[in-house]
């Protein structure tokens, strides 16, 4: 069961020595920002290096059929209008097919923001 699988993780989070202010790690509704408070080592520490902004990859099941992809992108942008404020790279990235997503994540520069391939 998924609840049982999360239980050890939740116990670990309750025993953290430090936390990142403004982030409730047990109830965090922002799916694109992930922060790891386990990396904190002192009070008042800048936690920027412990956070990442993830990309939502969208691709049609059948190449060329983008109606659902376009509709879901519109839904996400309406639900999270602040996503438009990231001008360095798109938070929601559309691909032409699932194989294009595979190529993106298998590329040697995957995860390198400076090379335009954020994870």
Protein backbone atom coordinates (compact mmCIF):
# COMPACT_ATOMS: atom_id res chain seq x y z
CA UNK A 1 0.00 0.00 0.00
CA UNK A 2 1.23 3.51 -0.76
CA UNK A 3 0.43 4.71 2.78
CA UNK A 4 2.67 2.02 4.27
CA UNK A 5 5.41 2.90 1.80
CA UNK A 6 5.30 6.55 2.87
CA UNK A 7 5.30 5.78 6.60
CA UNK A 8 9.09 5.33 7.03
CA UNK A 9 9.65 8.49 4.98
CA UNK A 10 7.23 10.47 7.16
CA UNK A 11 8.90 9.17 10.34
CA UNK A 12 12.25 10.30 8.98
CA UNK A 13 10.87 13.76 8.20
CA UNK A 14 9.45 14.16 11.72
CA UNK A 15 12.93 13.54 13.14
CA UNK A 16 14.69 16.23 11.08
CA UNK A 17 16.98 18.45 13.08
CA UNK A 18 16.36 21.48 10.83
CA UNK A 19 13.59 22.62 8.52
CA UNK A 20 13.26 25.08 5.68
CA UNK A 21 11.08 27.99 6.76
CA UNK A 22 7.88 28.42 4.79
CA UNK A 23 7.80 24.81 3.61
CA UNK A 24 5.60 22.21 5.27
CA UNK A 25 7.31 19.05 4.07
CA UNK A 26 4.34 16.85 4.94
CA UNK A 27 1.84 19.04 3.06
CA UNK A 28 3.55 20.82 0.16
CA UNK A 29 1.14 21.72 -2.65
CA UNK A 30 3.74 23.02 -5.13
CA UNK A 31 4.57 20.14 -7.48
CA UNK A 32 7.40 21.89 -9.31
CA UNK A 33 9.57 22.91 -6.36
CA UNK A 34 11.31 20.24 -4.31
CA UNK A 35 13.48 21.01 -1.28
CA UNK A 36 15.45 18.57 0.87
CA UNK A 37 15.63 19.75 4.49
CA UNK A 38 17.82 16.74 5.33
CA UNK A 39 20.71 18.67 3.78
CA UNK A 40 20.38 21.58 6.24
CA UNK A 41 23.17 21.72 8.80
CA UNK A 42 22.55 24.97 10.72
CA UNK A 43 19.86 27.45 11.72
CA UNK A 44 19.50 30.33 9.27
CA UNK A 45 21.35 28.50 6.51
CA UNK A 46 20.49 29.49 2.94
CA UNK A 47 18.55 26.51 1.59
CA UNK A 48 18.62 27.55 -2.06
CA UNK A 49 21.10 24.81 -2.93
CA UNK A 50 18.77 22.20 -1.40
CA UNK A 51 15.86 23.08 -3.70
CA UNK A 52 15.22 22.29 -7.33
CA UNK A 53 12.62 23.34 -9.84
CA UNK A 54 11.38 20.43 -11.91
CA UNK A 55 10.01 20.43 -15.43
CA UNK A 56 6.65 18.90 -16.33
CA UNK A 57 7.08 17.03 -19.61
CA UNK A 58 3.95 16.65 -21.74
CA UNK A 59 3.70 14.44 -24.80
CA UNK A 60 0.84 12.87 -26.73
CA UNK A 61 0.33 9.11 -26.61
CA UNK A 62 0.10 9.14 -30.38
CA UNK A 63 2.52 11.49 -32.13
CA UNK A 64 0.73 14.48 -33.62
CA UNK A 65 -2.42 14.22 -31.49
CA UNK A 66 -1.82 17.22 -29.26
CA UNK A 67 -5.37 18.19 -28.22
CA UNK A 68 -5.09 16.61 -24.76
CA UNK A 69 -1.53 17.87 -24.29
CA UNK A 70 -2.61 21.42 -25.16
CA UNK A 71 -5.64 21.20 -22.86
CA UNK A 72 -3.56 19.90 -19.95
CA UNK A 73 -0.91 22.57 -20.48
CA UNK A 74 -3.65 25.21 -20.37
CA UNK A 75 -5.04 23.67 -17.15
CA UNK A 76 -1.59 23.65 -15.48
CA UNK A 77 -0.86 27.24 -16.51
CA UNK A 78 -4.25 28.36 -15.19
CA UNK A 79 -3.79 26.44 -11.92
CA UNK A 80 -0.23 27.78 -11.45
CA UNK A 81 -0.08 31.20 -13.18
CA UNK A 82 3.24 31.94 -11.46
CA UNK A 83 4.90 29.41 -13.80
CA UNK A 84 5.02 32.11 -16.45
CA UNK A 85 7.50 34.04 -14.27
CA UNK A 86 10.36 31.63 -14.99
CA UNK A 87 11.98 33.13 -18.04
CA UNK A 88 15.20 31.09 -17.99
CA UNK A 89 13.51 27.88 -19.14
CA UNK A 90 9.95 26.58 -19.43
CA UNK A 91 8.52 24.74 -16.43
CA UNK A 92 5.98 23.01 -18.68
CA UNK A 93 7.72 21.54 -21.70
CA UNK A 94 5.82 20.00 -24.59
CA UNK A 95 7.29 17.20 -26.68
CA UNK A 96 6.09 15.78 -29.98
CA UNK A 97 6.07 12.18 -28.68
CA UNK A 98 7.02 9.99 -25.74
CA UNK A 99 10.17 8.98 -27.59
CA UNK A 100 11.15 12.68 -27.72
CA UNK A 101 10.83 12.77 -23.91
CA UNK A 102 13.06 9.68 -23.70
CA UNK A 103 15.68 11.35 -25.90
CA UNK A 104 15.54 14.50 -23.74
CA UNK A 105 16.14 12.67 -20.45
CA UNK A 106 18.82 10.38 -21.89
CA UNK A 107 20.84 13.28 -23.30
CA UNK A 108 24.24 13.72 -21.61
CA UNK A 109 23.37 17.34 -20.72
CA UNK A 110 20.11 16.38 -18.99
CA UNK A 111 19.82 18.26 -15.71
CA UNK A 112 22.15 21.07 -16.79
CA UNK A 113 20.18 24.32 -16.67
CA UNK A 114 23.04 26.23 -18.27
CA UNK A 115 22.74 24.04 -21.37
CA UNK A 116 18.95 24.41 -21.51
CA UNK A 117 18.17 20.89 -20.30
CA UNK A 118 16.73 21.21 -16.81
CA UNK A 119 15.48 18.07 -15.10
